[in-house]
Amino acid sequence: ACLSGGYIPLPVRAGEKRPKGRWQEPTEQELLQYWGNGAGFEIGVVLPKGVAVLDIDMEGDSHRGIDSYRQEEILKAVAPVLMEVALPCESSPSGGRHYFGRIPAGWQGRQNLEGVGIELLCGQCFVKTFPSSGYVTQEKSWPVPVGELPEFPPGILARFETATIEQPSAGRHRRGKARKNI
């Protein structure tokens, strides 16, 4: 479902969030090695260009230092828009959420709203996802094929125009402040 949906699936060891191996489309032999015959790997995907995930982390054991008050204010403002657009969503083991959608050209890397546990992961970023342990979705097909994803509303994207940006670079990220010019 991942490959035919436009995503590159990558194996993830149970309990980890980083992919095993290289960020390339797996061969048929690798697919069998990672997910065939009870190999036990969980799954993540590399987001194709033009796709993003709104990643909302909740304060807890795995996410400390989140300004819950600021986060709640932001979520109150964006929740109605998220519901209206019906972006495909999954919940994470820590109680967070991943909303998938399409984005305009020019967005890439991790757009991070500092201190509130909310970031926009844009094309060529990696996301651990359902059916990995603890990830839950109500969608009939997961991940939702790229061509069927709704667009992120401009009101949500506007919140990330001056966010801290981490650019992907061979599986690593460089940090810096930047303004998105869309």
Protein backbone atom coordinates (compact mmCIF):
# COMPACT_ATOMS: atom_id res chain seq x y z
CA ALA A 1 0.00 0.00 0.00
CA CYS A 2 2.87 2.39 0.75
CA LEU A 3 4.66 2.03 -2.58
CA SER A 4 1.51 2.13 -4.68
CA GLY A 5 0.32 5.12 -2.63
CA GLY A 6 3.42 7.16 -3.50
CA TYR A 7 5.45 6.67 -0.28
CA ILE A 8 8.77 4.92 0.32
CA PRO A 9 8.33 2.40 3.17
CA LEU A 10 11.30 1.86 5.47
CA PRO A 11 11.79 -0.66 8.28
CA VAL A 12 11.96 0.52 11.88
CA ARG A 13 13.03 -1.62 14.82
CA ALA A 14 10.36 -1.99 17.51
CA GLY A 15 10.58 0.82 20.07
CA GLU A 16 12.64 3.09 17.79
CA LYS A 17 11.65 6.01 15.55
CA ARG A 18 14.56 6.06 13.11
CA PRO A 19 14.61 3.87 10.00
CA LYS A 20 17.00 0.99 9.54
CA GLY A 21 19.18 1.30 6.49
CA ARG A 22 19.20 3.74 3.60
CA TRP A 23 16.46 6.13 2.50
CA GLN A 24 15.76 4.43 -0.83
CA GLU A 25 12.88 2.47 -2.20
CA PRO A 26 13.35 -1.11 -0.98
CA THR A 27 13.80 -3.93 -3.46
CA GLU A 28 11.34 -6.83 -3.51
CA GLN A 29 13.93 -8.92 -1.64
CA GLU A 30 14.25 -6.21 1.05
CA LEU A 31 10.46 -5.99 1.41
CA LEU A 32 10.37 -9.72 2.16
CA GLN A 33 13.36 -9.42 4.49
CA TYR A 34 11.78 -6.59 6.51
CA TRP A 35 8.11 -7.58 6.59
CA GLY A 36 7.84 -11.14 5.30
CA ASN A 37 7.76 -14.32 7.35
CA GLY A 38 7.29 -12.52 10.68
CA ALA A 39 10.52 -10.49 10.46
CA GLY A 40 9.13 -8.17 13.14
CA PHE A 41 10.04 -4.75 11.76
CA GLU A 42 7.65 -1.87 12.17
CA ILE A 43 7.13 0.67 9.40
CA GLY A 44 7.76 4.30 8.58
CA VAL A 45 7.54 6.25 5.35
CA VAL A 46 9.57 8.88 3.56
CA LEU A 47 7.14 11.62 2.57
CA PRO A 48 7.19 12.43 -1.13
CA LYS A 49 7.63 16.03 -2.27
CA GLY A 50 4.36 17.89 -1.97
CA VAL A 51 3.22 15.94 1.11
CA ALA A 52 3.49 16.95 4.76
CA VAL A 53 2.55 15.64 8.17
CA LEU A 54 1.36 17.96 10.92
CA ASP A 55 2.97 16.26 13.93
CA ILE A 56 1.41 17.17 17.29
CA ASP A 57 3.23 15.77 20.33
CA MET A 58 1.67 15.78 23.78
CA GLU A 59 3.56 16.49 27.01
CA GLY A 60 4.62 13.23 28.65
CA ASP A 61 7.45 10.81 29.26
CA SER A 62 8.69 10.90 25.67
CA HIS A 63 8.08 14.64 25.14
CA ARG A 64 9.17 16.97 27.94
CA GLY A 65 9.28 20.76 28.06
CA ILE A 66 6.23 21.41 25.89
CA ASP A 67 4.49 24.70 26.68
CA SER A 68 1.05 23.13 27.13
CA TYR A 69 -0.73 26.49 27.46
CA ARG A 70 0.65 27.81 24.13
CA GLN A 71 0.00 24.45 22.48
CA GLU A 72 -3.61 24.44 23.66
CA GLU A 73 -4.16 27.96 22.30
CA ILE A 74 -2.77 26.97 18.90
CA LEU A 75 -4.80 23.75 18.81
CA LYS A 76 -8.01 25.63 19.66
CA ALA A 77 -7.38 27.85 16.64
CA VAL A 78 -6.52 25.07 14.17
CA ALA A 79 -8.86 22.27 15.34
CA PRO A 80 -11.94 23.57 13.48
CA VAL A 81 -9.92 23.88 10.27
CA LEU A 82 -8.51 20.36 10.67
CA MET A 83 -12.01 18.96 11.16
CA GLU A 84 -13.45 20.90 8.23
CA VAL A 85 -10.80 19.72 5.77
CA ALA A 86 -10.82 16.15 7.15
CA LEU A 87 -7.09 15.57 6.83
CA PRO A 88 -6.30 11.87 7.27
CA CYS A 89 -5.10 11.31 10.82
CA GLU A 90 -3.44 8.70 13.01
CA SER A 91 -2.67 8.74 16.72
CA SER A 92 0.78 7.88 18.05
CA PRO A 93 1.68 5.73 21.07
CA SER A 94 2.33 8.85 23.18
CA GLY A 95 -1.14 10.31 22.47
CA GLY A 96 -0.01 12.69 19.74
CA ARG A 97 -1.46 13.03 16.25
CA HIS A 98 -0.18 12.90 12.67
CA TYR A 99 -2.30 14.73 10.07
CA PHE A 100 -1.36 13.98 6.43
CA GLY A 101 -1.97 16.43 3.57
CA ARG A 102 -0.61 18.00 0.40
CA ILE A 103 1.40 21.24 0.48
CA PRO A 104 2.43 23.83 -2.12
CA ALA A 105 5.83 23.63 -3.85
CA GLY A 106 8.72 25.11 -1.90
CA TRP A 107 7.97 23.59 1.48
CA GLN A 108 10.53 21.08 2.74
CA GLY A 109 12.23 19.99 5.94
CA ARG A 110 10.84 20.23 9.46
CA GLN A 111 8.99 23.44 10.31
CA ASN A 112 8.99 23.57 14.11
CA LEU A 113 6.84 25.81 16.34
CA GLU A 114 9.41 26.09 19.15
CA GLY A 115 8.42 24.78 22.54
CA VAL A 116 4.88 23.68 21.74
CA GLY A 117 5.41 20.18 20.35
CA ILE A 118 3.96 20.99 16.95
CA GLU A 119 5.89 20.64 13.71
CA LEU A 120 5.19 20.32 10.02
CA LEU A 121 7.23 17.53 8.41
CA CYS A 122 7.48 18.32 4.70
CA GLY A 123 8.52 16.20 1.71
CA GLN A 124 11.57 13.98 2.12
CA CYS A 125 11.08 13.68 5.90
CA PHE A 126 10.60 10.35 7.66
CA VAL A 127 7.54 9.47 9.76
CA LYS A 128 6.95 6.26 11.72
CA THR A 129 3.37 5.23 11.03
CA PHE A 130 0.51 2.71 11.26
CA PRO A 131 0.52 -0.31 11.47
CA SER A 132 3.52 0.08 13.79
CA SER A 133 2.79 -0.78 17.41
CA GLY A 134 0.67 1.87 19.14
CA TYR A 135 -0.24 3.82 15.99
CA VAL A 136 -3.98 3.89 15.31
CA THR A 137 -6.03 5.24 12.41
CA GLN A 138 -9.66 5.09 11.34
CA GLU A 139 -8.79 5.42 7.65
CA LYS A 140 -9.80 2.52 5.37
CA SER A 141 -6.45 2.60 3.55
CA TRP A 142 -3.16 3.65 5.14
CA PRO A 143 -1.26 5.61 4.28
CA VAL A 144 -3.81 7.46 2.20
CA PRO A 145 -2.52 7.57 -1.40
CA VAL A 146 -0.84 10.88 -2.23
CA GLY A 147 -3.35 11.67 -5.00
CA GLU A 148 -6.25 11.35 -2.53
CA LEU A 149 -4.83 13.63 0.18
CA PRO A 150 -6.56 16.95 0.74
CA GLU A 151 -4.48 20.13 0.74
CA PHE A 152 -3.36 21.66 4.02
CA PRO A 153 -5.43 24.81 4.60
CA PRO A 154 -3.51 28.09 4.14
CA GLY A 155 -4.43 29.12 7.71
CA ILE A 156 -2.47 26.18 9.12
CA LEU A 157 0.51 26.67 6.81
CA ALA A 158 0.65 30.37 7.74
CA ARG A 159 1.54 29.40 11.33
CA PHE A 160 4.75 27.82 10.03
CA GLU A 161 5.98 30.64 7.78
CA THR A 162 8.50 31.87 10.36
CA ALA A 163 9.09 28.58 12.17
CA THR A 164 12.49 27.04 12.89
CA ILE A 165 13.38 24.99 9.84
CA GLU A 166 15.49 21.84 9.73
CA GLN A 167 16.46 20.86 6.20
CA PRO A 168 16.95 17.17 5.40
CA SER A 169 20.51 16.36 4.39
CA ALA A 170 21.32 12.69 3.74
CA GLY A 171 19.19 11.53 6.66
CA ARG A 172 20.33 14.34 8.97
CA HIS A 173 19.01 17.85 9.54
CA ARG A 174 20.57 21.32 9.62
CA ARG A 175 18.90 23.87 11.92
CA GLY A 176 18.28 27.55 11.29
CA LYS A 177 15.65 30.27 11.22
CA ALA A 178 14.12 31.02 7.84
CA ARG A 179 11.01 32.55 6.36
CA LYS A 180 9.01 30.56 3.87
CA ASN A 181 8.31 32.47 0.69
CA ILE A 182 5.36 30.87 -0.98
